[in-house]
PDB file of N, CA and C in Angstrom:
ATOM      1  N   MET A   1      -8.237 -26.366  48.307  1.00  0.00           N
ATOM      2  CA  MET A   1      -7.415 -25.923  47.196  1.00  0.00           C
ATOM      3  C   MET A   1      -7.137 -24.429  47.337  1.00  0.00           C
ATOM      4  N   ASP A   2      -5.928 -24.040  47.140  1.00  0.00           N
ATOM      5  CA  ASP A   2      -5.515 -22.656  47.284  1.00  0.00           C
ATOM      6  C   ASP A   2      -5.956 -21.841  46.064  1.00  0.00           C
ATOM      7  N   SER A   3      -6.473 -20.627  46.305  1.00  0.00           N
ATOM      8  CA  SER A   3      -6.950 -19.806  45.193  1.00  0.00           C
ATOM      9  C   SER A   3      -5.801 -19.283  44.340  1.00  0.00           C
ATOM     10  N   LYS A   4      -4.578 -19.229  44.896  1.00  0.00           N
ATOM     11  CA  LYS A   4      -3.431 -18.749  44.116  1.00  0.00           C
ATOM     12  C   LYS A   4      -2.948 -19.778  43.115  1.00  0.00           C
ATOM     13  N   VAL A   5      -3.360 -21.031  43.270  1.00  0.00           N
ATOM     14  CA  VAL A   5      -2.955 -22.068  42.332  1.00  0.00           C
ATOM     15  C   VAL A   5      -3.639 -21.857  40.987  1.00  0.00           C
ATOM     16  N   ASN A   6      -4.826 -21.281  41.010  1.00  0.00           N
ATOM     17  CA  ASN A   6      -5.568 -21.009  39.781  1.00  0.00           C
ATOM     18  C   ASN A   6      -4.841 -19.916  39.002  1.00  0.00           C
ATOM     19  N   CYS A   7      -4.319 -20.232  37.848  1.00  0.00           N
ATOM     20  CA  CYS A   7      -3.538 -19.283  37.047  1.00  0.00           C
ATOM     21  C   CYS A   7      -4.374 -18.621  35.967  1.00  0.00           C
ATOM     22  N   LYS A   8      -5.660 -18.654  36.127  1.00  0.00           N
ATOM     23  CA  LYS A   8      -6.529 -18.017  35.145  1.00  0.00           C
ATOM     24  C   LYS A   8      -6.277 -16.513  35.169  1.00  0.00           C
ATOM     25  N   GLU A   9      -6.075 -15.934  34.013  1.00  0.00           N
ATOM     26  CA  GLU A   9      -5.739 -14.521  33.931  1.00  0.00           C
ATOM     27  C   GLU A   9      -6.993 -13.661  34.003  1.00  0.00           C
ATOM     28  N   HIS A  10      -6.909 -12.603  34.791  1.00  0.00           N
ATOM     29  CA  HIS A  10      -7.967 -11.606  34.870  1.00  0.00           C
ATOM     30  C   HIS A  10      -7.463 -10.367  34.151  1.00  0.00           C
ATOM     31  N   VAL A  11      -8.296  -9.765  33.310  1.00  0.00           N
ATOM     32  CA  VAL A  11      -7.845  -8.653  32.479  1.00  0.00           C
ATOM     33  C   VAL A  11      -8.647  -7.413  32.826  1.00  0.00           C
ATOM     34  N   LEU A  12      -7.966  -6.290  33.010  1.00  0.00           N
ATOM     35  CA  LEU A  12      -8.583  -5.003  33.277  1.00  0.00           C
ATOM     36  C   LEU A  12      -8.004  -4.007  32.287  1.00  0.00           C
ATOM     37  N   LYS A  13      -8.850  -3.309  31.538  1.00  0.00           N
ATOM     38  CA  LYS A  13      -8.377  -2.372  30.521  1.00  0.00           C
ATOM     39  C   LYS A  13      -8.268  -0.983  31.140  1.00  0.00           C
ATOM     40  N   VAL A  14      -7.108  -0.358  30.985  1.00  0.00           N
ATOM     41  CA  VAL A  14      -6.872   0.977  31.511  1.00  0.00           C
ATOM     42  C   VAL A  14      -6.117   1.781  30.462  1.00  0.00           C
ATOM     43  N   ASN A  15      -6.773   2.772  29.863  1.00  0.00           N
ATOM     44  CA  ASN A  15      -6.133   3.689  28.913  1.00  0.00           C
ATOM     45  C   ASN A  15      -5.253   2.989  27.882  1.00  0.00           C
ATOM     46  N   ASN A  16      -5.851   2.153  27.101  1.00  0.00           N
ATOM     47  CA  ASN A  16      -5.155   1.447  26.022  1.00  0.00           C
ATOM     48  C   ASN A  16      -4.079   0.485  26.524  1.00  0.00           C
ATOM     49  N   HIS A  17      -4.084   0.199  27.802  1.00  0.00           N
ATOM     50  CA  HIS A  17      -3.183  -0.793  28.375  1.00  0.00           C
ATOM     51  C   HIS A  17      -4.043  -1.853  29.037  1.00  0.00           C
ATOM     52  N   GLU A  18      -3.510  -3.012  29.143  1.00  0.00           N
ATOM     53  CA  GLU A  18      -4.226  -4.121  29.740  1.00  0.00           C
ATOM     54  C   GLU A  18      -3.497  -4.540  31.004  1.00  0.00           C
ATOM     55  N   LEU A  19      -4.216  -4.605  32.132  1.00  0.00           N
ATOM     56  CA  LEU A  19      -3.627  -5.124  33.356  1.00  0.00           C
ATOM     57  C   LEU A  19      -3.878  -6.618  33.369  1.00  0.00           C
ATOM     58  N   VAL A  20      -2.824  -7.381  33.252  1.00  0.00           N
ATOM     59  CA  VAL A  20      -2.938  -8.830  33.229  1.00  0.00           C
ATOM     60  C   VAL A  20      -2.550  -9.335  34.612  1.00  0.00           C
ATOM     61  N   ASP A  21      -3.473 -10.051  35.242  1.00  0.00           N
ATOM     62  CA  ASP A  21      -3.236 -10.576  36.586  1.00  0.00           C
ATOM     63  C   ASP A  21      -3.486 -12.069  36.552  1.00  0.00           C
ATOM     64  N   ASN A  22      -2.441 -12.847  36.753  1.00  0.00           N
ATOM     65  CA  ASN A  22      -2.603 -14.296  36.735  1.00  0.00           C
ATOM     66  C   ASN A  22      -2.611 -14.895  38.140  1.00  0.00           C
ATOM     67  N   GLY A  23      -2.747 -14.054  39.157  1.00  0.00           N
ATOM     68  CA  GLY A  23      -2.786 -14.539  40.529  1.00  0.00           C
ATOM     69  C   GLY A  23      -1.432 -14.502  41.194  1.00  0.00           C
ATOM     70  N   HIS A  24      -0.376 -14.560  40.430  1.00  0.00           N
ATOM     71  CA  HIS A  24       0.976 -14.525  40.985  1.00  0.00           C
ATOM     72  C   HIS A  24       1.635 -13.181  40.731  1.00  0.00           C
ATOM     73  N   THR A  25       1.465 -12.671  39.517  1.00  0.00           N
ATOM     74  CA  THR A  25       2.079 -11.396  39.156  1.00  0.00           C
ATOM     75  C   THR A  25       1.073 -10.554  38.388  1.00  0.00           C
ATOM     76  N   SER A  26       1.303  -9.261  38.391  1.00  0.00           N
ATOM     77  CA  SER A  26       0.480  -8.337  37.618  1.00  0.00           C
ATOM     78  C   SER A  26       1.403  -7.488  36.760  1.00  0.00           C
ATOM     79  N   TYR A  27       0.984  -7.207  35.559  1.00  0.00           N
ATOM     80  CA  TYR A  27       1.780  -6.360  34.685  1.00  0.00           C
ATOM     81  C   TYR A  27       0.867  -5.723  33.654  1.00  0.00           C
ATOM     82  N   PHE A  28       1.322  -4.605  33.082  1.00  0.00           N
ATOM     83  CA  PHE A  28       0.583  -3.922  32.030  1.00  0.00           C
ATOM     84  C   PHE A  28       1.170  -4.309  30.681  1.00  0.00           C
ATOM     85  N   SER A  29       0.311  -4.576  29.734  1.00  0.00           N
ATOM     86  CA  SER A  29       0.760  -4.830  28.372  1.00  0.00           C
ATOM     87  C   SER A  29       0.049  -3.854  27.447  1.00  0.00           C
ATOM     88  N   LYS A  30       0.748  -3.366  26.464  1.00  0.00           N
ATOM     89  CA  LYS A  30       0.197  -2.385  25.520  1.00  0.00           C
ATOM     90  C   LYS A  30      -0.752  -3.074  24.551  1.00  0.00           C
ATOM     91  N   MET A  31      -1.975  -2.541  24.440  1.00  0.00           N
ATOM     92  CA  MET A  31      -2.953  -3.069  23.488  1.00  0.00           C
ATOM     93  C   MET A  31      -2.808  -2.296  22.185  1.00  0.00           C
ATOM     94  N   PRO A  32      -2.788  -2.982  21.053  1.00  0.00           N
ATOM     95  CA  PRO A  32      -2.724  -2.259  19.779  1.00  0.00           C
ATOM     96  C   PRO A  32      -4.061  -1.565  19.517  1.00  0.00           C
ATOM     97  N   PRO A  33      -4.037  -0.420  18.828  1.00  0.00           N
ATOM     98  CA  PRO A  33      -5.294   0.265  18.518  1.00  0.00           C
ATOM     99  C   PRO A  33      -6.130  -0.557  17.538  1.00  0.00           C
ATOM    100  N   ALA A  34      -7.425  -0.389  17.615  1.00  0.00           N
ATOM    101  CA  ALA A  34      -8.340  -1.120  16.738  1.00  0.00           C
ATOM    102  C   ALA A  34      -8.202  -0.617  15.305  1.00  0.00           C
ATOM    103  N   THR A  35      -8.283  -1.544  14.357  1.00  0.00           N
ATOM    104  CA  THR A  35      -8.220  -1.172  12.945  1.00  0.00           C
ATOM    105  C   THR A  35      -9.582  -0.660  12.498  1.00  0.00           C
ATOM    106  N   ALA A  36      -9.630  -0.052  11.329  1.00  0.00           N
ATOM    107  CA  ALA A  36     -10.892   0.459  10.790  1.00  0.00           C
ATOM    108  C   ALA A  36     -11.880  -0.682  10.572  1.00  0.00           C
ATOM    109  N   GLU A  37     -11.371  -1.818  10.118  1.00  0.00           N
ATOM    110  CA  GLU A  37     -12.240  -2.975   9.892  1.00  0.00           C
ATOM    111  C   GLU A  37     -12.828  -3.480  11.206  1.00  0.00           C
ATOM    112  N   GLN A  38     -12.032  -3.525  12.260  1.00  0.00           N
ATOM    113  CA  GLN A  38     -12.525  -3.965  13.559  1.00  0.00           C
ATOM    114  C   GLN A  38     -13.581  -3.009  14.097  1.00  0.00           C
ATOM    115  N   LEU A  39     -13.374  -1.709  13.896  1.00  0.00           N
ATOM    116  CA  LEU A  39     -14.360  -0.728  14.345  1.00  0.00           C
ATOM    117  C   LEU A  39     -15.670  -0.871  13.579  1.00  0.00           C
ATOM    118  N   THR A  40     -15.582  -1.123  12.274  1.00  0.00           N
ATOM    119  CA  THR A  40     -16.785  -1.310  11.464  1.00  0.00           C
ATOM    120  C   THR A  40     -17.552  -2.546  11.904  1.00  0.00           C
ATOM    121  N   ILE A  41     -16.841  -3.637  12.145  1.00  0.00           N
ATOM    122  CA  ILE A  41     -17.496  -4.867  12.592  1.00  0.00           C
ATOM    123  C   ILE A  41     -18.160  -4.650  13.944  1.00  0.00           C
ATOM    124  N   ALA A  42     -17.483  -3.964  14.847  1.00  0.00           N
ATOM    125  CA  ALA A  42     -18.064  -3.692  16.164  1.00  0.00           C
ATOM    126  C   ALA A  42     -19.308  -2.826  16.046  1.00  0.00           C
ATOM    127  N   LYS A  43     -19.275  -1.866  15.138  1.00  0.00           N
ATOM    128  CA  LYS A  43     -20.428  -0.989  14.931  1.00  0.00           C
ATOM    129  C   LYS A  43     -21.628  -1.778  14.411  1.00  0.00           C
ATOM    130  N   VAL A  44     -21.383  -2.677  13.462  1.00  0.00           N
ATOM    131  CA  VAL A  44     -22.464  -3.486  12.893  1.00  0.00           C
ATOM    132  C   VAL A  44     -23.032  -4.437  13.941  1.00  0.00           C
ATOM    133  N   LEU A  45     -22.153  -5.067  14.708  1.00  0.00           N
ATOM    134  CA  LEU A  45     -22.607  -6.048  15.690  1.00  0.00           C
ATOM    135  C   LEU A  45     -23.289  -5.416  16.891  1.00  0.00           C
ATOM    136  N   SER A  46     -22.986  -4.165  17.187  1.00  0.00           N
ATOM    137  CA  SER A  46     -23.572  -3.535  18.362  1.00  0.00           C
ATOM    138  C   SER A  46     -24.838  -2.745  18.055  1.00  0.00           C
ATOM    139  N   ARG A  47     -25.294  -2.797  16.838  1.00  0.00           N
ATOM    140  CA  ARG A  47     -26.529  -2.086  16.491  1.00  0.00           C
ATOM    141  C   ARG A  47     -27.707  -2.676  17.254  1.00  0.00           C
ATOM    142  N   PRO A  48     -28.548  -1.825  17.820  1.00  0.00           N
ATOM    143  CA  PRO A  48     -29.713  -2.350  18.534  1.00  0.00           C
ATOM    144  C   PRO A  48     -30.804  -2.854  17.597  1.00  0.00           C
ATOM    145  N   ASP A  49     -30.721  -2.513  16.324  1.00  0.00           N
ATOM    146  CA  ASP A  49     -31.777  -2.897  15.385  1.00  0.00           C
ATOM    147  C   ASP A  49     -31.449  -4.176  14.629  1.00  0.00           C
ATOM    148  N   ASN A  50     -30.594  -5.030  15.176  1.00  0.00           N
ATOM    149  CA  ASN A  50     -30.260  -6.282  14.496  1.00  0.00           C
ATOM    150  C   ASN A  50     -31.465  -7.193  14.349  1.00  0.00           C
ATOM    151  N   ASP A  51     -32.388  -7.124  15.282  1.00  0.00           N
ATOM    152  CA  ASP A  51     -33.524  -8.033  15.260  1.00  0.00           C
ATOM    153  C   ASP A  51     -34.736  -7.449  14.540  1.00  0.00           C
ATOM    154  N   VAL A  52     -34.553  -6.316  13.878  1.00  0.00           N
ATOM    155  CA  VAL A  52     -35.661  -5.677  13.170  1.00  0.00           C
ATOM    156  C   VAL A  52     -36.089  -6.559  12.002  1.00  0.00           C
ATOM    157  N   ASN A  53     -37.371  -6.682  11.833  1.00  0.00           N
ATOM    158  CA  ASN A  53     -37.891  -7.488  10.737  1.00  0.00           C
ATOM    159  C   ASN A  53     -37.846  -6.653   9.458  1.00  0.00           C
ATOM    160  N   ILE A  54     -36.767  -6.776   8.731  1.00  0.00           N
ATOM    161  CA  ILE A  54     -36.551  -5.983   7.520  1.00  0.00           C
ATOM    162  C   ILE A  54     -37.592  -6.308   6.460  1.00  0.00           C
ATOM    163  N   ARG A  55     -37.972  -7.549   6.373  1.00  0.00           N
ATOM    164  CA  ARG A  55     -38.954  -7.961   5.360  1.00  0.00           C
ATOM    165  C   ARG A  55     -40.269  -7.200   5.542  1.00  0.00           C
ATOM    166  N   CYS A  56     -40.675  -7.010   6.789  1.00  0.00           N
ATOM    167  CA  CYS A  56     -41.907  -6.265   7.074  1.00  0.00           C
ATOM    168  C   CYS A  56     -41.771  -4.819   6.597  1.00  0.00           C
ATOM    169  N   TYR A  57     -40.606  -4.215   6.832  1.00  0.00           N
ATOM    170  CA  TYR A  57     -40.377  -2.847   6.384  1.00  0.00           C
ATOM    171  C   TYR A  57     -40.390  -2.744   4.860  1.00  0.00           C
ATOM    172  N   VAL A  58     -39.841  -3.737   4.191  1.00  0.00           N
ATOM    173  CA  VAL A  58     -39.822  -3.731   2.726  1.00  0.00           C
ATOM    174  C   VAL A  58     -41.245  -3.760   2.187  1.00  0.00           C
ATOM    175  N   VAL A  59     -42.076  -4.623   2.758  1.00  0.00           N
ATOM    176  CA  VAL A  59     -43.472  -4.732   2.312  1.00  0.00           C
ATOM    177  C   VAL A  59     -44.210  -3.424   2.574  1.00  0.00           C
ATOM    178  N   GLN A  60     -44.015  -2.831   3.751  1.00  0.00           N
ATOM    179  CA  GLN A  60     -44.671  -1.557   4.063  1.00  0.00           C
ATOM    180  C   GLN A  60     -44.242  -0.466   3.090  1.00  0.00           C
ATOM    181  N   LEU A  61     -42.954  -0.415   2.805  1.00  0.00           N
ATOM    182  CA  LEU A  61     -42.437   0.607   1.899  1.00  0.00           C
ATOM    183  C   LEU A  61     -42.980   0.420   0.486  1.00  0.00           C
ATOM    184  N   GLN A  62     -43.095  -0.827   0.044  1.00  0.00           N
ATOM    185  CA  GLN A  62     -43.657  -1.096  -1.278  1.00  0.00           C
ATOM    186  C   GLN A  62     -45.123  -0.692  -1.335  1.00  0.00           C
ATOM    187  N   GLU A  63     -45.878  -0.957  -0.279  1.00  0.00           N
ATOM    188  CA  GLU A  63     -47.294  -0.590  -0.264  1.00  0.00           C
ATOM    189  C   GLU A  63     -47.479   0.922  -0.266  1.00  0.00           C
ATOM    190  N   LEU A  64     -46.636   1.632   0.472  1.00  0.00           N
ATOM    191  CA  LEU A  64     -46.787   3.079   0.580  1.00  0.00           C
ATOM    192  C   LEU A  64     -46.344   3.824  -0.672  1.00  0.00           C
ATOM    193  N   THR A  65     -45.305   3.334  -1.329  1.00  0.00           N
ATOM    194  CA  THR A  65     -44.722   4.090  -2.439  1.00  0.00           C
ATOM    195  C   THR A  65     -44.886   3.433  -3.801  1.00  0.00           C
ATOM    196  N   GLU A  66     -45.401   2.207  -3.835  1.00  0.00           N
ATOM    197  CA  GLU A  66     -45.547   1.447  -5.074  1.00  0.00           C
ATOM    198  C   GLU A  66     -44.210   1.320  -5.811  1.00  0.00           C
ATOM    199  N   CYS A  67     -43.150   1.080  -5.067  1.00  0.00           N
ATOM    200  CA  CYS A  67     -41.830   0.902  -5.670  1.00  0.00           C
ATOM    201  C   CYS A  67     -41.516  -0.587  -5.767  1.00  0.00           C
ATOM    202  N   THR A  68     -40.428  -0.905  -6.437  1.00  0.00           N
ATOM    203  CA  THR A  68     -40.021  -2.302  -6.554  1.00  0.00           C
ATOM    204  C   THR A  68     -39.344  -2.749  -5.257  1.00  0.00           C
ATOM    205  N   GLU A  69     -39.160  -4.053  -5.141  1.00  0.00           N
ATOM    206  CA  GLU A  69     -38.506  -4.586  -3.946  1.00  0.00           C
ATOM    207  C   GLU A  69     -37.055  -4.102  -3.857  1.00  0.00           C
ATOM    208  N   ASP A  70     -36.377  -4.045  -4.994  1.00  0.00           N
ATOM    209  CA  ASP A  70     -34.992  -3.562  -4.998  1.00  0.00           C
ATOM    210  C   ASP A  70     -34.903  -2.113  -4.538  1.00  0.00           C
ATOM    211  N   GLN A  71     -35.829  -1.286  -5.002  1.00  0.00           N
ATOM    212  CA  GLN A  71     -35.842   0.113  -4.578  1.00  0.00           C
ATOM    213  C   GLN A  71     -36.095   0.221  -3.080  1.00  0.00           C
ATOM    214  N   ALA A  72     -37.000  -0.599  -2.573  1.00  0.00           N
ATOM    215  CA  ALA A  72     -37.330  -0.562  -1.149  1.00  0.00           C
ATOM    216  C   ALA A  72     -36.147  -0.998  -0.291  1.00  0.00           C
ATOM    217  N   VAL A  73     -35.495  -2.080  -0.690  1.00  0.00           N
ATOM    218  CA  VAL A  73     -34.344  -2.577   0.077  1.00  0.00           C
ATOM    219  C   VAL A  73     -33.217  -1.554   0.063  1.00  0.00           C
ATOM    220  N   THR A  74     -32.956  -0.972  -1.099  1.00  0.00           N
ATOM    221  CA  THR A  74     -31.889   0.023  -1.212  1.00  0.00           C
ATOM    222  C   THR A  74     -32.200   1.259  -0.379  1.00  0.00           C
ATOM    223  N   ALA A  75     -33.436   1.728  -0.427  1.00  0.00           N
ATOM    224  CA  ALA A  75     -33.823   2.907   0.347  1.00  0.00           C
ATOM    225  C   ALA A  75     -33.715   2.636   1.844  1.00  0.00           C
ATOM    226  N   LEU A  76     -34.143   1.462   2.285  1.00  0.00           N
ATOM    227  CA  LEU A  76     -34.027   1.124   3.705  1.00  0.00           C
ATOM    228  C   LEU A  76     -32.565   1.040   4.133  1.00  0.00           C
ATOM    229  N   TYR A  77     -31.733   0.480   3.292  1.00  0.00           N
ATOM    230  CA  TYR A  77     -30.305   0.389   3.611  1.00  0.00           C
ATOM    231  C   TYR A  77     -29.692   1.787   3.720  1.00  0.00           C
ATOM    232  N   ASP A  78     -30.017   2.649   2.750  1.00  0.00           N
ATOM    233  CA  ASP A  78     -29.476   4.005   2.757  1.00  0.00           C
ATOM    234  C   ASP A  78     -29.959   4.811   3.955  1.00  0.00           C
ATOM    235  N   CYS A  79     -31.153   4.506   4.454  1.00  0.00           N
ATOM    236  CA  CYS A  79     -31.742   5.247   5.572  1.00  0.00           C
ATOM    237  C   CYS A  79     -31.606   4.513   6.898  1.00  0.00           C
ATOM    238  N   GLU A  80     -30.760   3.495   6.964  1.00  0.00           N
ATOM    239  CA  GLU A  80     -30.496   2.737   8.189  1.00  0.00           C
ATOM    240  C   GLU A  80     -31.782   2.180   8.803  1.00  0.00           C
ATOM    241  N   ASN A  81     -32.635   1.609   7.961  1.00  0.00           N
ATOM    242  CA  ASN A  81     -33.889   0.945   8.346  1.00  0.00           C
ATOM    243  C   ASN A  81     -34.904   1.880   8.990  1.00  0.00           C
ATOM    244  N   ASN A  82     -34.808   3.162   8.716  1.00  0.00           N
ATOM    245  CA  ASN A  82     -35.799   4.120   9.183  1.00  0.00           C
ATOM    246  C   ASN A  82     -36.866   4.230   8.100  1.00  0.00           C
ATOM    247  N   ILE A  83     -38.060   3.712   8.377  1.00  0.00           N
ATOM    248  CA  ILE A  83     -39.115   3.614   7.360  1.00  0.00           C
ATOM    249  C   ILE A  83     -39.571   4.992   6.876  1.00  0.00           C
ATOM    250  N   GLU A  84     -39.648   5.970   7.779  1.00  0.00           N
ATOM    251  CA  GLU A  84     -40.109   7.304   7.381  1.00  0.00           C
ATOM    252  C   GLU A  84     -39.119   7.968   6.423  1.00  0.00           C
ATOM    253  N   ARG A  85     -37.842   7.883   6.747  1.00  0.00           N
ATOM    254  CA  ARG A  85     -36.827   8.458   5.859  1.00  0.00           C
ATOM    255  C   ARG A  85     -36.780   7.721   4.532  1.00  0.00           C
ATOM    256  N   ALA A  86     -36.993   6.409   4.557  1.00  0.00           N
ATOM    257  CA  ALA A  86     -36.972   5.618   3.323  1.00  0.00           C
ATOM    258  C   ALA A  86     -38.132   6.015   2.408  1.00  0.00           C
ATOM    259  N   VAL A  87     -39.313   6.258   2.989  1.00  0.00           N
ATOM    260  CA  VAL A  87     -40.469   6.704   2.190  1.00  0.00           C
ATOM    261  C   VAL A  87     -40.146   8.038   1.531  1.00  0.00           C
ATOM    262  N   GLU A  88     -39.592   8.965   2.301  1.00  0.00           N
ATOM    263  CA  GLU A  88     -39.237  10.270   1.743  1.00  0.00           C
ATOM    264  C   GLU A  88     -38.200  10.138   0.626  1.00  0.00           C
ATOM    265  N   LEU A  89     -37.232   9.262   0.830  1.00  0.00           N
ATOM    266  CA  LEU A  89     -36.191   9.064  -0.179  1.00  0.00           C
ATOM    267  C   LEU A  89     -36.771   8.521  -1.477  1.00  0.00           C
ATOM    268  N   VAL A  90     -37.629   7.507  -1.383  1.00  0.00           N
ATOM    269  CA  VAL A  90     -38.220   6.911  -2.588  1.00  0.00           C
ATOM    270  C   VAL A  90     -39.110   7.922  -3.296  1.00  0.00           C
ATOM    271  N   LEU A  91     -39.927   8.652  -2.542  1.00  0.00           N
ATOM    272  CA  LEU A  91     -40.808   9.642  -3.166  1.00  0.00           C
ATOM    273  C   LEU A  91     -40.002  10.770  -3.812  1.00  0.00           C
ATOM    274  N   ASP A  92     -38.910  11.182  -3.185  1.00  0.00           N
ATOM    275  CA  ASP A  92     -38.051  12.205  -3.788  1.00  0.00           C
ATOM    276  C   ASP A  92     -37.410  11.700  -5.074  1.00  0.00           C
ATOM    277  N   GLN A  93     -37.031  10.431  -5.092  1.00  0.00           N
ATOM    278  CA  GLN A  93     -36.440   9.867  -6.308  1.00  0.00           C
ATOM    279  C   GLN A  93     -37.460   9.834  -7.436  1.00  0.00           C
ATOM    280  N   PHE A  94     -38.709   9.477  -7.127  1.00  0.00           N
ATOM    281  CA  PHE A  94     -39.751   9.466  -8.158  1.00  0.00           C
ATOM    282  C   PHE A  94     -40.039  10.883  -8.634  1.00  0.00           C
ATOM    283  N   ARG A  95     -40.073  11.832  -7.706  1.00  0.00           N
ATOM    284  CA  ARG A  95     -40.392  13.214  -8.048  1.00  0.00           C
ATOM    285  C   ARG A  95     -39.295  13.824  -8.912  1.00  0.00           C
ATOM    286  N   CYS A  96     -38.056  13.524  -8.592  1.00  0.00           N
ATOM    287  CA  CYS A  96     -36.925  14.097  -9.332  1.00  0.00           C
ATOM    288  C   CYS A  96     -36.582  13.302 -10.580  1.00  0.00           C
ATOM    289  N   GLY A  97     -37.176  12.140 -10.741  1.00  0.00           N
ATOM    290  CA  GLY A  97     -36.891  11.322 -11.908  1.00  0.00           C
ATOM    291  C   GLY A  97     -35.523  10.681 -11.862  1.00  0.00           C
ATOM    292  N   ALA A  98     -35.037  10.395 -10.673  1.00  0.00           N
ATOM    293  CA  ALA A  98     -33.713   9.781 -10.541  1.00  0.00           C
ATOM    294  C   ALA A  98     -33.753   8.351 -11.053  1.00  0.00           C
ATOM    295  N   THR A  99     -32.695   7.952 -11.713  1.00  0.00           N
ATOM    296  CA  THR A  99     -32.609   6.588 -12.218  1.00  0.00           C
ATOM    297  C   THR A  99     -32.083   5.669 -11.131  1.00  0.00           C
ATOM    298  N   GLU A 100     -32.312   4.389 -11.320  1.00  0.00           N
ATOM    299  CA  GLU A 100     -31.882   3.405 -10.341  1.00  0.00           C
ATOM    300  C   GLU A 100     -30.464   2.925 -10.601  1.00  0.00           C
ATOM    301  N   GLU A 101     -29.885   3.320 -11.691  1.00  0.00           N
ATOM    302  CA  GLU A 101     -28.591   2.790 -12.086  1.00  0.00           C
ATOM    303  C   GLU A 101     -27.465   3.509 -11.364  1.00  0.00           C
ATOM    304  N   TRP A 102     -26.440   2.748 -11.071  1.00  0.00           N
ATOM    305  CA  TRP A 102     -25.232   3.317 -10.505  1.00  0.00           C
ATOM    306  C   TRP A 102     -24.332   3.702 -11.665  1.00  0.00           C
ATOM    307  N   HIS A 103     -23.761   4.865 -11.597  1.00  0.00           N
ATOM    308  CA  HIS A 103     -22.876   5.338 -12.649  1.00  0.00           C
ATOM    309  C   HIS A 103     -21.491   5.562 -12.064  1.00  0.00           C
ATOM    310  N   THR A 104     -20.506   5.153 -12.811  1.00  0.00           N
ATOM    311  CA  THR A 104     -19.130   5.393 -12.414  1.00  0.00           C
ATOM    312  C   THR A 104     -18.606   6.554 -13.228  1.00  0.00           C
ATOM    313  N   THR A 105     -18.135   7.556 -12.541  1.00  0.00           N
ATOM    314  CA  THR A 105     -17.595   8.708 -13.245  1.00  0.00           C
ATOM    315  C   THR A 105     -16.086   8.630 -13.227  1.00  0.00           C
ATOM    316  N   VAL A 106     -15.513   8.882 -14.373  1.00  0.00           N
ATOM    317  CA  VAL A 106     -14.066   8.846 -14.511  1.00  0.00           C
ATOM    318  C   VAL A 106     -13.632  10.159 -15.131  1.00  0.00           C
ATOM    319  N   SER A 107     -12.738  10.825 -14.471  1.00  0.00           N
ATOM    320  CA  SER A 107     -12.223  12.064 -15.052  1.00  0.00           C
ATOM    321  C   SER A 107     -10.849  11.778 -15.620  1.00  0.00           C
ATOM    322  N   SER A 108     -10.702  12.115 -16.870  1.00  0.00           N
ATOM    323  CA  SER A 108      -9.406  11.893 -17.509  1.00  0.00           C
ATOM    324  C   SER A 108      -8.620  13.193 -17.444  1.00  0.00           C
ATOM    325  N   VAL A 109      -7.479  13.099 -16.893  1.00  0.00           N
ATOM    326  CA  VAL A 109      -6.622  14.272 -16.776  1.00  0.00           C
ATOM    327  C   VAL A 109      -5.687  14.272 -17.973  1.00  0.00           C
ATOM    328  N   ALA A 110      -5.703  15.360 -18.698  1.00  0.00           N
ATOM    329  CA  ALA A 110      -4.841  15.468 -19.874  1.00  0.00           C
ATOM    330  C   ALA A 110      -3.393  15.524 -19.421  1.00  0.00           C
ATOM    331  N   LYS A 111      -2.588  14.756 -20.097  1.00  0.00           N
ATOM    332  CA  LYS A 111      -1.167  14.750 -19.759  1.00  0.00           C
ATOM    333  C   LYS A 111      -0.542  16.030 -20.295  1.00  0.00           C
ATOM    334  N   GLN A 112       0.020  16.773 -19.388  1.00  0.00           N
ATOM    335  CA  GLN A 112       0.663  18.016 -19.789  1.00  0.00           C
ATOM    336  C   GLN A 112       2.147  17.906 -19.494  1.00  0.00           C
ATOM    337  N   GLY A 113       2.909  17.993 -20.531  1.00  0.00           N
ATOM    338  CA  GLY A 113       4.357  17.969 -20.374  1.00  0.00           C
ATOM    339  C   GLY A 113       4.858  19.380 -20.146  1.00  0.00           C
ATOM    340  N   THR A 114       6.087  19.482 -19.812  1.00  0.00           N
ATOM    341  CA  THR A 114       6.658  20.814 -19.659  1.00  0.00           C
ATOM    342  C   THR A 114       6.857  21.412 -21.043  1.00  0.00           C
ATOM    343  N   PRO A 115       6.484  22.650 -21.226  1.00  0.00           N
ATOM    344  CA  PRO A 115       6.619  23.256 -22.555  1.00  0.00           C
ATOM    345  C   PRO A 115       8.087  23.448 -22.910  1.00  0.00           C
ATOM    346  N   SER A 116       8.372  23.160 -24.157  1.00  0.00           N
ATOM    347  CA  SER A 116       9.743  23.353 -24.628  1.00  0.00           C
ATOM    348  C   SER A 116       9.891  24.771 -25.151  1.00  0.00           C
ATOM    349  N   ARG A 117      11.113  25.183 -25.382  1.00  0.00           N
ATOM    350  CA  ARG A 117      11.351  26.541 -25.867  1.00  0.00           C
ATOM    351  C   ARG A 117      10.860  26.720 -27.297  1.00  0.00           C
ATOM    352  N   HIS A 118      10.751  25.628 -28.019  1.00  0.00           N
ATOM    353  CA  HIS A 118      10.297  25.724 -29.403  1.00  0.00           C
ATOM    354  C   HIS A 118       8.795  25.951 -29.474  1.00  0.00           C
ATOM    355  N   GLN A 119       8.043  25.447 -28.487  1.00  0.00           N
ATOM    356  CA  GLN A 119       6.595  25.627 -28.504  1.00  0.00           C
ATOM    357  C   GLN A 119       6.209  27.025 -28.050  1.00  0.00           C
ATOM    358  N   ASN A 120       6.883  27.551 -27.063  1.00  0.00           N
ATOM    359  CA  ASN A 120       6.593  28.881 -26.540  1.00  0.00           C
ATOM    360  C   ASN A 120       7.850  29.751 -26.636  1.00  0.00           C
ATOM    361  N   PRO A 121       8.115  30.337 -27.817  1.00  0.00           N
ATOM    362  CA  PRO A 121       9.355  31.093 -27.976  1.00  0.00           C
ATOM    363  C   PRO A 121       9.395  32.350 -27.123  1.00  0.00           C
ATOM    364  N   GLY A 122       8.269  32.897 -26.721  1.00  0.00           N
ATOM    365  CA  GLY A 122       8.242  34.126 -25.940  1.00  0.00           C
ATOM    366  C   GLY A 122       8.579  33.905 -24.475  1.00  0.00           C
ATOM    367  N   ARG A 123       8.462  32.674 -23.989  1.00  0.00           N
ATOM    368  CA  ARG A 123       8.712  32.377 -22.572  1.00  0.00           C
ATOM    369  C   ARG A 123      10.091  31.774 -22.399  1.00  0.00           C
ATOM    370  N   ILE A 124      10.682  32.084 -21.302  1.00  0.00           N
ATOM    371  CA  ILE A 124      11.995  31.501 -21.015  1.00  0.00           C
ATOM    372  C   ILE A 124      11.886  30.609 -19.807  1.00  0.00           C
TER     373      ILE A 124
END
């Protein structure tokens, strides 16, 4: 069997272009840039700590700081599963008296219209 009969495409990436080789012809095709969502997914999937036993870290953090499970999970998430940083974060929260609640702040901007001549007679 001739190897050129196999039309399986081989792909080589070169500077945001793709070299597509199907055995008969070769051509470059423009690859679209990755979206923010695709980059985030790639970042999450390529983390080396995917196999970390999070439950073990939660138990350790609870034993060291006497915090609740929710506090431990949140601290570990905020510190990217670094147990030492999570301990410091929880202890700082207890020391500063920080609350566990999330607050939404809304700033209301007063509507200011253009001043009329009757309101400010001295200005033109």
